[in-house]
Amino acid sequence: MQYRLLGKTGLTVSAVSLGTWQLGGGWGKPFDEQQAMRVLQTAIDHGVNFLDTADVYGNRLSERAVGQIIRSRKDQIAIATKCGRRLKPHVADGYNKENLTRFVDESLANTGLETLDLIQLHCPPTEVYYRPEVFGALDDLKKSGKIRHYGVSVQWIEEGLKAMEFPGIDTIQIIFNMFRMRPAELFFEQAKKKNVGVIVRVPLASGLLTGKFTRETTFDPNDHRFFNRDGQSFDKGETFSGVDYETGLEAVNRIQAIFPDDHSLAQYALRWILMFDAVSCVIPGASNEKQVISNSEAADMPPLSDSQMKQVQAVYDELLRPAVHQLW
């Protein structure tokens, strides 16, 4: 495993860490506590020391499992959780000091921890980034010792750039992959300049970049890849990175031809992300131990060649850029 600094937090985190949305449901399978614990144990055994969760993943079940594993291990494991999506309605006014304090207290109780290493606002409405009092409330939570660091998970580049204007922002979580390249422009430049940690989510485009899907692949009705392709339940950019499924399959076929067969496409997709030094870590999900091991091994792959990077860029420019580049 390779390790990188998480911006100005001072934390050294595994380049390939673990996102736990899949452990909490929403991917066509109910929460399985024993399987979740096996996945988490395997990740830590293979060098992962940073776990990303959220209070809404499996209605707190994922967050609870992460807290349990951290308490049971002697390893130095950092936890990042997210809050805000439990608001009903999910509006900017809900991001106030009272609610943020309550969310943090509930996550502390749910994980059984005394302090959260990182709390992230969970894709809040854009208006939140124009309310200094929100970040003042997070500063107060930091001073109280309930959280060590805070950041945001964003949907749009512009939200990330705005968030960086607040000095207390330590990290920004954003979608970045072979299908969503825009962050590599101004966003990465500014994150490096301001020493903000970049956490990359949806690195495999909801599984499309594993190369395992076809036109005949079916998804469970409870899987967001079935019910959210057009953003019916939340931003469509979270599902297949907002890429049309058929177009995504065509892009995958062309990307697969760029690389030899000594690693899986998923591993190449993760290694591609790690070619960008602004990235602190990438947080692929995993539903079983095999996937965890394969993902973790991507950190130790040799760098991709200039030719391979240019060829991936060409596929993006031709097939994907016109449809997605300016949307997020």
C-alpha atoms as a PDB file:
ATOM      1  CA  MET A   1       0.000   0.000   0.000  1.00  0.00           C
ATOM      2  CA  GLN A   2       1.150   3.547  -0.678  1.00  0.00           C
ATOM      3  CA  TYR A   3       0.234   6.359   1.695  1.00  0.00           C
ATOM      4  CA  ARG A   4      -0.390  10.051   1.133  1.00  0.00           C
ATOM      5  CA  LEU A   5      -0.992  13.115   3.265  1.00  0.00           C
ATOM      6  CA  LEU A   6      -4.646  14.102   3.567  1.00  0.00           C
ATOM      7  CA  GLY A   7      -4.093  17.784   2.945  1.00  0.00           C
ATOM      8  CA  LYS A   8      -3.508  19.946   6.008  1.00  0.00           C
ATOM      9  CA  THR A   9      -5.085  17.404   8.377  1.00  0.00           C
ATOM     10  CA  GLY A  10      -1.656  15.891   8.938  1.00  0.00           C
ATOM     11  CA  LEU A  11      -3.195  12.436   8.583  1.00  0.00           C
ATOM     12  CA  THR A  12      -1.304   9.945   6.449  1.00  0.00           C
ATOM     13  CA  VAL A  13      -3.906   7.800   4.712  1.00  0.00           C
ATOM     14  CA  SER A  14      -3.841   4.798   2.415  1.00  0.00           C
ATOM     15  CA  ALA A  15      -3.911   5.890  -1.237  1.00  0.00           C
ATOM     16  CA  VAL A  16      -6.620   3.290  -1.799  1.00  0.00           C
ATOM     17  CA  SER A  17      -8.970   3.525   1.148  1.00  0.00           C
ATOM     18  CA  LEU A  18     -12.513   2.186   1.533  1.00  0.00           C
ATOM     19  CA  GLY A  19     -15.914   3.721   0.931  1.00  0.00           C
ATOM     20  CA  THR A  20     -18.722   1.937   2.757  1.00  0.00           C
ATOM     21  CA  TRP A  21     -21.898   2.931   0.940  1.00  0.00           C
ATOM     22  CA  GLN A  22     -22.145  -0.619  -0.429  1.00  0.00           C
ATOM     23  CA  LEU A  23     -21.962  -2.082   3.064  1.00  0.00           C
ATOM     24  CA  GLY A  24     -25.089  -0.215   4.111  1.00  0.00           C
ATOM     25  CA  GLY A  25     -27.396  -1.187   1.268  1.00  0.00           C
ATOM     26  CA  GLY A  26     -28.675   0.736  -1.732  1.00  0.00           C
ATOM     27  CA  TRP A  27     -26.921  -1.630  -4.114  1.00  0.00           C
ATOM     28  CA  GLY A  28     -29.620  -4.263  -4.367  1.00  0.00           C
ATOM     29  CA  LYS A  29     -28.626  -6.212  -1.272  1.00  0.00           C
ATOM     30  CA  PRO A  30     -29.729  -5.773   2.358  1.00  0.00           C
ATOM     31  CA  PHE A  31     -27.203  -4.956   5.059  1.00  0.00           C
ATOM     32  CA  ASP A  32     -25.259  -8.038   6.169  1.00  0.00           C
ATOM     33  CA  GLU A  33     -23.366  -7.299   9.376  1.00  0.00           C
ATOM     34  CA  GLN A  34     -21.082 -10.341   9.188  1.00  0.00           C
ATOM     35  CA  GLN A  35     -20.150  -9.655   5.573  1.00  0.00           C
ATOM     36  CA  ALA A  36     -19.582  -5.986   6.373  1.00  0.00           C
ATOM     37  CA  MET A  37     -17.189  -6.920   9.161  1.00  0.00           C
ATOM     38  CA  ARG A  38     -15.303  -9.316   6.878  1.00  0.00           C
ATOM     39  CA  VAL A  39     -14.890  -6.596   4.263  1.00  0.00           C
ATOM     40  CA  LEU A  40     -13.687  -4.088   6.852  1.00  0.00           C
ATOM     41  CA  GLN A  41     -11.270  -6.561   8.470  1.00  0.00           C
ATOM     42  CA  THR A  42      -9.831  -7.517   5.082  1.00  0.00           C
ATOM     43  CA  ALA A  43      -9.357  -3.891   4.091  1.00  0.00           C
ATOM     44  CA  ILE A  44      -7.391  -3.096   7.244  1.00  0.00           C
ATOM     45  CA  ASP A  45      -5.354  -6.304   6.894  1.00  0.00           C
ATOM     46  CA  HIS A  46      -4.292  -5.076   3.444  1.00  0.00           C
ATOM     47  CA  GLY A  47      -3.114  -1.674   4.538  1.00  0.00           C
ATOM     48  CA  VAL A  48      -6.283   0.441   4.432  1.00  0.00           C
ATOM     49  CA  ASN A  49      -6.286   2.932   7.302  1.00  0.00           C
ATOM     50  CA  PHE A  50      -9.032   5.339   6.236  1.00  0.00           C
ATOM     51  CA  LEU A  51     -12.721   4.414   6.180  1.00  0.00           C
ATOM     52  CA  ASP A  52     -15.402   6.667   4.733  1.00  0.00           C
ATOM     53  CA  THR A  53     -19.026   6.259   5.778  1.00  0.00           C
ATOM     54  CA  ALA A  54     -22.182   8.340   6.304  1.00  0.00           C
ATOM     55  CA  ASP A  55     -25.084   8.412   8.711  1.00  0.00           C
ATOM     56  CA  VAL A  56     -27.527   7.593   5.909  1.00  0.00           C
ATOM     57  CA  TYR A  57     -25.743   4.487   4.617  1.00  0.00           C
ATOM     58  CA  GLY A  58     -28.107   1.702   5.612  1.00  0.00           C
ATOM     59  CA  ASN A  59     -29.797   4.093   8.060  1.00  0.00           C
ATOM     60  CA  ARG A  60     -26.660   4.204  10.250  1.00  0.00           C
ATOM     61  CA  LEU A  61     -25.789   0.495   9.905  1.00  0.00           C
ATOM     62  CA  SER A  62     -22.657   1.144   7.853  1.00  0.00           C
ATOM     63  CA  GLU A  63     -21.482   3.842  10.273  1.00  0.00           C
ATOM     64  CA  ARG A  64     -22.078   1.517  13.214  1.00  0.00           C
ATOM     65  CA  ALA A  65     -20.047  -1.275  11.616  1.00  0.00           C
ATOM     66  CA  VAL A  66     -17.152   1.093  10.925  1.00  0.00           C
ATOM     67  CA  GLY A  67     -17.157   2.263  14.542  1.00  0.00           C
ATOM     68  CA  GLN A  68     -17.202  -1.307  15.764  1.00  0.00           C
ATOM     69  CA  ILE A  69     -14.226  -2.327  13.644  1.00  0.00           C
ATOM     70  CA  ILE A  70     -12.203   0.700  14.725  1.00  0.00           C
ATOM     71  CA  ARG A  71     -12.866  -0.049  18.393  1.00  0.00           C
ATOM     72  CA  SER A  72     -11.922  -3.701  17.955  1.00  0.00           C
ATOM     73  CA  ARG A  73      -8.552  -3.108  16.259  1.00  0.00           C
ATOM     74  CA  LYS A  74      -5.312  -1.723  17.625  1.00  0.00           C
ATOM     75  CA  ASP A  75      -4.440  -0.282  14.232  1.00  0.00           C
ATOM     76  CA  GLN A  76      -4.502   3.484  13.765  1.00  0.00           C
ATOM     77  CA  ILE A  77      -7.610   3.768  11.611  1.00  0.00           C
ATOM     78  CA  ALA A  78      -9.166   7.118  10.720  1.00  0.00           C
ATOM     79  CA  ILE A  79     -12.914   7.457  10.247  1.00  0.00           C
ATOM     80  CA  ALA A  80     -14.623   9.955   7.987  1.00  0.00           C
ATOM     81  CA  THR A  81     -18.367  10.214   8.184  1.00  0.00           C
ATOM     82  CA  LYS A  82     -20.890  12.535   6.589  1.00  0.00           C
ATOM     83  CA  CYS A  83     -24.006  14.336   7.739  1.00  0.00           C
ATOM     84  CA  GLY A  84     -26.882  16.395   6.426  1.00  0.00           C
ATOM     85  CA  ARG A  85     -28.790  14.017   4.180  1.00  0.00           C
ATOM     86  CA  ARG A  86     -31.056  12.999   7.046  1.00  0.00           C
ATOM     87  CA  LEU A  87     -32.687  16.414   6.837  1.00  0.00           C
ATOM     88  CA  LYS A  88     -36.281  16.319   5.653  1.00  0.00           C
ATOM     89  CA  PRO A  89     -36.605  18.464   3.674  1.00  0.00           C
ATOM     90  CA  HIS A  90     -32.974  18.645   2.628  1.00  0.00           C
ATOM     91  CA  VAL A  91     -32.656  22.432   2.512  1.00  0.00           C
ATOM     92  CA  ALA A  92     -29.946  24.951   3.339  1.00  0.00           C
ATOM     93  CA  ASP A  93     -31.728  26.216   6.446  1.00  0.00           C
ATOM     94  CA  GLY A  94     -31.315  22.771   7.997  1.00  0.00           C
ATOM     95  CA  TYR A  95     -27.544  23.210   8.072  1.00  0.00           C
ATOM     96  CA  ASN A  96     -27.543  25.182  11.308  1.00  0.00           C
ATOM     97  CA  LYS A  97     -25.541  24.872  14.509  1.00  0.00           C
ATOM     98  CA  GLU A  98     -28.264  22.964  16.362  1.00  0.00           C
ATOM     99  CA  ASN A  99     -28.672  20.319  13.674  1.00  0.00           C
ATOM    100  CA  LEU A 100     -24.968  19.959  12.942  1.00  0.00           C
ATOM    101  CA  THR A 101     -24.248  19.459  16.635  1.00  0.00           C
ATOM    102  CA  ARG A 102     -27.021  16.881  16.838  1.00  0.00           C
ATOM    103  CA  PHE A 103     -25.727  15.023  13.777  1.00  0.00           C
ATOM    104  CA  VAL A 104     -22.219  14.851  15.224  1.00  0.00           C
ATOM    105  CA  ASP A 105     -23.514  13.707  18.613  1.00  0.00           C
ATOM    106  CA  GLU A 106     -25.570  10.988  16.929  1.00  0.00           C
ATOM    107  CA  SER A 107     -22.595   9.784  14.890  1.00  0.00           C
ATOM    108  CA  LEU A 108     -20.427   9.690  18.001  1.00  0.00           C
ATOM    109  CA  ALA A 109     -23.060   7.614  19.798  1.00  0.00           C
ATOM    110  CA  ASN A 110     -23.552   5.346  16.791  1.00  0.00           C
ATOM    111  CA  THR A 111     -19.848   4.654  16.290  1.00  0.00           C
ATOM    112  CA  GLY A 112     -19.034   4.476  19.994  1.00  0.00           C
ATOM    113  CA  LEU A 113     -16.118   6.866  19.495  1.00  0.00           C
ATOM    114  CA  GLU A 114     -15.167   9.912  21.551  1.00  0.00           C
ATOM    115  CA  THR A 115     -14.037  11.999  18.581  1.00  0.00           C
ATOM    116  CA  LEU A 116     -14.656  11.868  14.836  1.00  0.00           C
ATOM    117  CA  ASP A 117     -11.507  12.238  12.754  1.00  0.00           C
ATOM    118  CA  LEU A 118     -13.386  13.913   9.918  1.00  0.00           C
ATOM    119  CA  ILE A 119     -16.967  15.079   9.492  1.00  0.00           C
ATOM    120  CA  GLN A 120     -18.130  16.049   6.003  1.00  0.00           C
ATOM    121  CA  LEU A 121     -21.236  17.906   4.938  1.00  0.00           C
ATOM    122  CA  HIS A 122     -22.972  15.418   2.665  1.00  0.00           C
ATOM    123  CA  CYS A 123     -23.569  17.155  -0.673  1.00  0.00           C
ATOM    124  CA  PRO A 124     -25.491  20.057   0.857  1.00  0.00           C
ATOM    125  CA  PRO A 125     -27.509  22.530  -1.227  1.00  0.00           C
ATOM    126  CA  THR A 126     -25.268  25.021  -3.017  1.00  0.00           C
ATOM    127  CA  GLU A 127     -26.612  27.866  -0.878  1.00  0.00           C
ATOM    128  CA  VAL A 128     -24.853  26.369   2.165  1.00  0.00           C
ATOM    129  CA  TYR A 129     -21.463  27.345   0.723  1.00  0.00           C
ATOM    130  CA  TYR A 130     -22.511  30.978   0.936  1.00  0.00           C
ATOM    131  CA  ARG A 131     -23.328  30.837   4.656  1.00  0.00           C
ATOM    132  CA  PRO A 132     -20.231  31.454   6.815  1.00  0.00           C
ATOM    133  CA  GLU A 133     -22.194  30.614   9.948  1.00  0.00           C
ATOM    134  CA  VAL A 134     -22.355  26.967   8.829  1.00  0.00           C
ATOM    135  CA  PHE A 135     -18.583  26.688   8.851  1.00  0.00           C
ATOM    136  CA  GLY A 136     -18.444  28.688  12.064  1.00  0.00           C
ATOM    137  CA  ALA A 137     -20.579  25.976  13.657  1.00  0.00           C
ATOM    138  CA  LEU A 138     -18.117  23.356  12.447  1.00  0.00           C
ATOM    139  CA  ASP A 139     -15.258  25.411  13.898  1.00  0.00           C
ATOM    140  CA  ASP A 140     -17.066  25.329  17.247  1.00  0.00           C
ATOM    141  CA  LEU A 141     -17.462  21.544  17.047  1.00  0.00           C
ATOM    142  CA  LYS A 142     -13.752  21.269  16.390  1.00  0.00           C
ATOM    143  CA  LYS A 143     -12.939  23.458  19.387  1.00  0.00           C
ATOM    144  CA  SER A 144     -15.203  21.294  21.548  1.00  0.00           C
ATOM    145  CA  GLY A 145     -13.155  18.213  20.670  1.00  0.00           C
ATOM    146  CA  LYS A 146     -16.038  16.337  19.083  1.00  0.00           C
ATOM    147  CA  ILE A 147     -14.384  16.450  15.651  1.00  0.00           C
ATOM    148  CA  ARG A 148     -10.754  16.771  14.625  1.00  0.00           C
ATOM    149  CA  HIS A 149     -11.273  17.998  11.079  1.00  0.00           C
ATOM    150  CA  TYR A 150     -14.098  18.920   8.751  1.00  0.00           C
ATOM    151  CA  GLY A 151     -14.725  19.009   5.040  1.00  0.00           C
ATOM    152  CA  VAL A 152     -17.431  18.721   2.430  1.00  0.00           C
ATOM    153  CA  SER A 153     -18.602  16.200  -0.119  1.00  0.00           C
ATOM    154  CA  VAL A 154     -19.584  18.117  -3.243  1.00  0.00           C
ATOM    155  CA  GLN A 155     -21.512  17.453  -6.421  1.00  0.00           C
ATOM    156  CA  TRP A 156     -20.214  20.349  -8.505  1.00  0.00           C
ATOM    157  CA  ILE A 157     -16.746  21.757  -9.113  1.00  0.00           C
ATOM    158  CA  GLU A 158     -17.998  25.243  -8.285  1.00  0.00           C
ATOM    159  CA  GLU A 159     -19.091  24.073  -4.826  1.00  0.00           C
ATOM    160  CA  GLY A 160     -15.624  22.716  -4.151  1.00  0.00           C
ATOM    161  CA  LEU A 161     -13.953  25.932  -5.237  1.00  0.00           C
ATOM    162  CA  LYS A 162     -16.309  27.953  -3.038  1.00  0.00           C
ATOM    163  CA  ALA A 163     -15.748  25.662  -0.056  1.00  0.00           C
ATOM    164  CA  MET A 164     -11.990  26.234  -0.268  1.00  0.00           C
ATOM    165  CA  GLU A 165     -12.550  29.886   0.553  1.00  0.00           C
ATOM    166  CA  PHE A 166     -13.272  28.871   4.152  1.00  0.00           C
ATOM    167  CA  PRO A 167      -9.940  28.339   5.971  1.00  0.00           C
ATOM    168  CA  GLY A 168     -11.344  25.566   8.159  1.00  0.00           C
ATOM    169  CA  ILE A 169     -12.062  23.282   5.201  1.00  0.00           C
ATOM    170  CA  ASP A 170      -9.522  20.464   5.395  1.00  0.00           C
ATOM    171  CA  THR A 171     -10.892  18.074   2.771  1.00  0.00           C
ATOM    172  CA  ILE A 172     -13.172  17.924  -0.221  1.00  0.00           C
ATOM    173  CA  GLN A 173     -14.715  14.724  -1.503  1.00  0.00           C
ATOM    174  CA  ILE A 174     -15.532  14.720  -5.196  1.00  0.00           C
ATOM    175  CA  ILE A 175     -16.303  12.387  -8.100  1.00  0.00           C
ATOM    176  CA  PHE A 176     -13.294  11.871 -10.355  1.00  0.00           C
ATOM    177  CA  ASN A 177     -12.615   8.993 -12.698  1.00  0.00           C
ATOM    178  CA  MET A 178     -11.977   8.092 -16.343  1.00  0.00           C
ATOM    179  CA  PHE A 179     -15.546   9.217 -17.080  1.00  0.00           C
ATOM    180  CA  ARG A 180     -15.433  12.476 -15.067  1.00  0.00           C
ATOM    181  CA  MET A 181     -12.192  14.353 -15.710  1.00  0.00           C
ATOM    182  CA  ARG A 182     -13.076  17.984 -15.100  1.00  0.00           C
ATOM    183  CA  PRO A 183     -11.711  18.092 -11.502  1.00  0.00           C
ATOM    184  CA  ALA A 184      -8.196  17.639 -12.935  1.00  0.00           C
ATOM    185  CA  GLU A 185      -8.379  21.202 -14.210  1.00  0.00           C
ATOM    186  CA  LEU A 186      -8.837  24.222 -11.917  1.00  0.00           C
ATOM    187  CA  PHE A 187     -10.147  22.237  -8.935  1.00  0.00           C
ATOM    188  CA  PHE A 188      -6.984  20.167  -8.458  1.00  0.00           C
ATOM    189  CA  GLU A 189      -4.816  23.224  -8.995  1.00  0.00           C
ATOM    190  CA  GLN A 190      -6.579  25.141  -6.231  1.00  0.00           C
ATOM    191  CA  ALA A 191      -6.686  22.166  -3.853  1.00  0.00           C
ATOM    192  CA  LYS A 192      -2.911  21.791  -4.107  1.00  0.00           C
ATOM    193  CA  LYS A 193      -2.404  25.528  -3.681  1.00  0.00           C
ATOM    194  CA  LYS A 194      -4.519  25.592  -0.500  1.00  0.00           C
ATOM    195  CA  ASN A 195      -3.337  22.208   0.790  1.00  0.00           C
ATOM    196  CA  VAL A 196      -6.872  20.804   0.857  1.00  0.00           C
ATOM    197  CA  GLY A 197      -7.110  17.018   0.914  1.00  0.00           C
ATOM    198  CA  VAL A 198      -8.921  15.489  -2.064  1.00  0.00           C
ATOM    199  CA  ILE A 199     -10.958  12.345  -1.443  1.00  0.00           C
ATOM    200  CA  VAL A 200     -12.116  10.724  -4.692  1.00  0.00           C
ATOM    201  CA  ARG A 201     -15.430   8.908  -4.634  1.00  0.00           C
ATOM    202  CA  VAL A 202     -17.256   6.876  -7.322  1.00  0.00           C
ATOM    203  CA  PRO A 203     -13.872   5.946  -8.834  1.00  0.00           C
ATOM    204  CA  LEU A 204     -15.265   3.006 -10.808  1.00  0.00           C
ATOM    205  CA  ALA A 205     -18.384   4.792 -12.072  1.00  0.00           C
ATOM    206  CA  SER A 206     -20.720   2.559 -10.035  1.00  0.00           C
ATOM    207  CA  GLY A 207     -19.006  -0.541 -11.396  1.00  0.00           C
ATOM    208  CA  LEU A 208     -19.007   0.368 -15.081  1.00  0.00           C
ATOM    209  CA  LEU A 209     -15.219   0.710 -14.991  1.00  0.00           C
ATOM    210  CA  THR A 210     -14.813  -2.851 -13.778  1.00  0.00           C
ATOM    211  CA  GLY A 211     -15.568  -3.988 -17.325  1.00  0.00           C
ATOM    212  CA  LYS A 212     -17.963  -6.623 -16.012  1.00  0.00           C
ATOM    213  CA  PHE A 213     -21.236  -5.146 -17.265  1.00  0.00           C
ATOM    214  CA  THR A 214     -22.915  -5.727 -20.597  1.00  0.00           C
ATOM    215  CA  ARG A 215     -26.143  -4.641 -22.285  1.00  0.00           C
ATOM    216  CA  GLU A 216     -27.742  -7.761 -20.816  1.00  0.00           C
ATOM    217  CA  THR A 217     -26.739  -6.980 -17.214  1.00  0.00           C
ATOM    218  CA  THR A 218     -29.748  -6.450 -14.940  1.00  0.00           C
ATOM    219  CA  PHE A 219     -29.857  -4.651 -11.599  1.00  0.00           C
ATOM    220  CA  ASP A 220     -32.094  -5.241  -8.616  1.00  0.00           C
ATOM    221  CA  PRO A 221     -34.951  -2.719  -8.300  1.00  0.00           C
ATOM    222  CA  ASN A 222     -33.440  -1.649  -4.953  1.00  0.00           C
ATOM    223  CA  ASP A 223     -30.099  -0.898  -6.604  1.00  0.00           C
ATOM    224  CA  HIS A 224     -29.555   2.796  -7.416  1.00  0.00           C
ATOM    225  CA  ARG A 225     -28.098   1.673 -10.755  1.00  0.00           C
ATOM    226  CA  PHE A 226     -31.636   0.585 -11.590  1.00  0.00           C
ATOM    227  CA  PHE A 227     -33.745   3.372 -10.082  1.00  0.00           C
ATOM    228  CA  ASN A 228     -31.538   6.468 -10.282  1.00  0.00           C
ATOM    229  CA  ARG A 229     -30.093   6.546 -13.797  1.00  0.00           C
ATOM    230  CA  ASP A 230     -31.894   9.790 -14.566  1.00  0.00           C
ATOM    231  CA  GLY A 231     -31.584  11.247 -11.072  1.00  0.00           C
ATOM    232  CA  GLN A 232     -35.008  10.179  -9.847  1.00  0.00           C
ATOM    233  CA  SER A 233     -33.859   9.848  -6.209  1.00  0.00           C
ATOM    234  CA  PHE A 234     -30.652  11.919  -6.002  1.00  0.00           C
ATOM    235  CA  ASP A 235     -28.183  13.588  -8.337  1.00  0.00           C
ATOM    236  CA  LYS A 236     -27.713  11.367 -11.391  1.00  0.00           C
ATOM    237  CA  GLY A 237     -23.986  12.050 -11.303  1.00  0.00           C
ATOM    238  CA  GLU A 238     -23.735   9.598  -8.393  1.00  0.00           C
ATOM    239  CA  THR A 239     -24.938   6.749 -10.620  1.00  0.00           C
ATOM    240  CA  PHE A 240     -22.575   5.639 -13.394  1.00  0.00           C
ATOM    241  CA  SER A 241     -20.963   9.088 -12.912  1.00  0.00           C
ATOM    242  CA  GLY A 242     -23.896  10.531 -14.837  1.00  0.00           C
ATOM    243  CA  VAL A 243     -22.852   8.758 -18.034  1.00  0.00           C
ATOM    244  CA  ASP A 244     -25.453   7.181 -20.285  1.00  0.00           C
ATOM    245  CA  TYR A 245     -25.191   3.421 -19.725  1.00  0.00           C
ATOM    246  CA  GLU A 246     -24.836   2.468 -23.396  1.00  0.00           C
ATOM    247  CA  THR A 247     -22.225   5.151 -23.996  1.00  0.00           C
ATOM    248  CA  GLY A 248     -20.397   3.995 -20.883  1.00  0.00           C
ATOM    249  CA  LEU A 249     -20.222   0.436 -22.193  1.00  0.00           C
ATOM    250  CA  GLU A 250     -18.740   1.667 -25.473  1.00  0.00           C
ATOM    251  CA  ALA A 251     -16.156   3.737 -23.617  1.00  0.00           C
ATOM    252  CA  VAL A 252     -15.240   0.765 -21.421  1.00  0.00           C
ATOM    253  CA  ASN A 253     -14.640  -1.433 -24.472  1.00  0.00           C
ATOM    254  CA  ARG A 254     -12.266   1.129 -25.906  1.00  0.00           C
ATOM    255  CA  ILE A 255     -10.464   1.708 -22.595  1.00  0.00           C
ATOM    256  CA  GLN A 256      -9.978  -2.026 -22.071  1.00  0.00           C
ATOM    257  CA  ALA A 257      -8.096  -2.210 -25.367  1.00  0.00           C
ATOM    258  CA  ILE A 258      -5.543   0.301 -24.063  1.00  0.00           C
ATOM    259  CA  PHE A 259      -4.242  -1.903 -21.269  1.00  0.00           C
ATOM    260  CA  PRO A 260      -2.610  -5.349 -21.108  1.00  0.00           C
ATOM    261  CA  ASP A 261      -4.280  -8.197 -19.232  1.00  0.00           C
ATOM    262  CA  ASP A 262      -1.893  -8.384 -16.293  1.00  0.00           C
ATOM    263  CA  HIS A 263      -4.299  -6.330 -14.127  1.00  0.00           C
ATOM    264  CA  SER A 264      -8.063  -5.883 -14.054  1.00  0.00           C
ATOM    265  CA  LEU A 265      -9.704  -2.843 -15.608  1.00  0.00           C
ATOM    266  CA  ALA A 266     -10.824  -1.771 -12.138  1.00  0.00           C
ATOM    267  CA  GLN A 267      -7.214  -1.748 -10.970  1.00  0.00           C
ATOM    268  CA  TYR A 268      -6.144   0.307 -13.970  1.00  0.00           C
ATOM    269  CA  ALA A 269      -9.001   2.732 -13.321  1.00  0.00           C
ATOM    270  CA  LEU A 270      -7.879   3.198  -9.717  1.00  0.00           C
ATOM    271  CA  ARG A 271      -4.218   3.547 -10.698  1.00  0.00           C
ATOM    272  CA  TRP A 272      -5.223   6.156 -13.292  1.00  0.00           C
ATOM    273  CA  ILE A 273      -6.728   8.287 -10.510  1.00  0.00           C
ATOM    274  CA  LEU A 274      -3.589   7.960  -8.400  1.00  0.00           C
ATOM    275  CA  MET A 275      -1.534   9.377 -11.272  1.00  0.00           C
ATOM    276  CA  PHE A 276      -2.806  12.804 -10.144  1.00  0.00           C
ATOM    277  CA  ASP A 277      -0.777  14.085  -7.206  1.00  0.00           C
ATOM    278  CA  ALA A 278      -3.587  16.345  -5.983  1.00  0.00           C
ATOM    279  CA  VAL A 279      -5.494  13.203  -4.985  1.00  0.00           C
ATOM    280  CA  SER A 280      -5.012  12.246  -1.349  1.00  0.00           C
ATOM    281  CA  CYS A 281      -6.923   8.988  -1.562  1.00  0.00           C
ATOM    282  CA  VAL A 282      -9.544   7.140  -3.533  1.00  0.00           C
ATOM    283  CA  ILE A 283     -12.418   5.369  -1.757  1.00  0.00           C
ATOM    284  CA  PRO A 284     -13.812   2.529  -3.874  1.00  0.00           C
ATOM    285  CA  GLY A 285     -16.554   0.466  -2.320  1.00  0.00           C
ATOM    286  CA  ALA A 286     -16.470  -3.299  -2.043  1.00  0.00           C
ATOM    287  CA  SER A 287     -19.106  -5.920  -1.404  1.00  0.00           C
ATOM    288  CA  ASN A 288     -16.721  -8.795  -0.701  1.00  0.00           C
ATOM    289  CA  GLU A 289     -13.172  -9.553   0.409  1.00  0.00           C
ATOM    290  CA  LYS A 290     -11.907 -10.327  -3.101  1.00  0.00           C
ATOM    291  CA  GLN A 291     -12.844  -6.870  -4.317  1.00  0.00           C
ATOM    292  CA  VAL A 292     -11.132  -5.248  -1.332  1.00  0.00           C
ATOM    293  CA  ILE A 293      -7.883  -7.098  -1.997  1.00  0.00           C
ATOM    294  CA  SER A 294      -7.942  -6.330  -5.708  1.00  0.00           C
ATOM    295  CA  ASN A 295      -8.603  -2.650  -5.072  1.00  0.00           C
ATOM    296  CA  SER A 296      -5.839  -2.348  -2.490  1.00  0.00           C
ATOM    297  CA  GLU A 297      -3.319  -3.906  -4.872  1.00  0.00           C
ATOM    298  CA  ALA A 298      -3.908  -1.094  -7.366  1.00  0.00           C
ATOM    299  CA  ALA A 299      -1.897   1.259  -5.145  1.00  0.00           C
ATOM    300  CA  ASP A 300       1.264  -0.742  -5.776  1.00  0.00           C
ATOM    301  CA  MET A 301       0.943  -0.977  -9.552  1.00  0.00           C
ATOM    302  CA  PRO A 302       3.592   0.788 -11.650  1.00  0.00           C
ATOM    303  CA  PRO A 303       2.626   4.194 -13.072  1.00  0.00           C
ATOM    304  CA  LEU A 304       0.665   4.244 -16.299  1.00  0.00           C
ATOM    305  CA  SER A 305       2.590   5.337 -19.358  1.00  0.00           C
ATOM    306  CA  ASP A 306       2.188   8.703 -21.063  1.00  0.00           C
ATOM    307  CA  SER A 307       0.748   6.872 -24.048  1.00  0.00           C
ATOM    308  CA  GLN A 308      -1.871   5.115 -21.923  1.00  0.00           C
ATOM    309  CA  MET A 309      -2.856   8.366 -20.225  1.00  0.00           C
ATOM    310  CA  LYS A 310      -3.254  10.090 -23.592  1.00  0.00           C
ATOM    311  CA  GLN A 311      -5.328   7.255 -24.993  1.00  0.00           C
ATOM    312  CA  VAL A 312      -7.716   7.321 -22.028  1.00  0.00           C
ATOM    313  CA  GLN A 313      -7.999  11.071 -22.468  1.00  0.00           C
ATOM    314  CA  ALA A 314      -8.852  10.588 -26.147  1.00  0.00           C
ATOM    315  CA  VAL A 315     -11.714   8.213 -25.308  1.00  0.00           C
ATOM    316  CA  TYR A 316     -13.064  10.732 -22.830  1.00  0.00           C
ATOM    317  CA  ASP A 317     -12.754  13.643 -25.236  1.00  0.00           C
ATOM    318  CA  GLU A 318     -14.581  11.818 -28.016  1.00  0.00           C
ATOM    319  CA  LEU A 319     -17.319   9.882 -26.202  1.00  0.00           C
ATOM    320  CA  LEU A 320     -17.893  11.492 -22.819  1.00  0.00           C
ATOM    321  CA  ARG A 321     -16.756  15.092 -22.656  1.00  0.00           C
ATOM    322  CA  PRO A 322     -19.643  16.521 -24.731  1.00  0.00           C
ATOM    323  CA  ALA A 323     -22.249  14.981 -22.416  1.00  0.00           C
ATOM    324  CA  VAL A 324     -20.756  15.352 -18.941  1.00  0.00           C
ATOM    325  CA  HIS A 325     -17.852  17.772 -18.758  1.00  0.00           C
ATOM    326  CA  GLN A 326     -19.783  20.962 -18.007  1.00  0.00           C
ATOM    327  CA  LEU A 327     -22.599  19.394 -15.987  1.00  0.00           C
ATOM    328  CA  TRP A 328     -20.654  18.957 -12.758  1.00  0.00           C
END
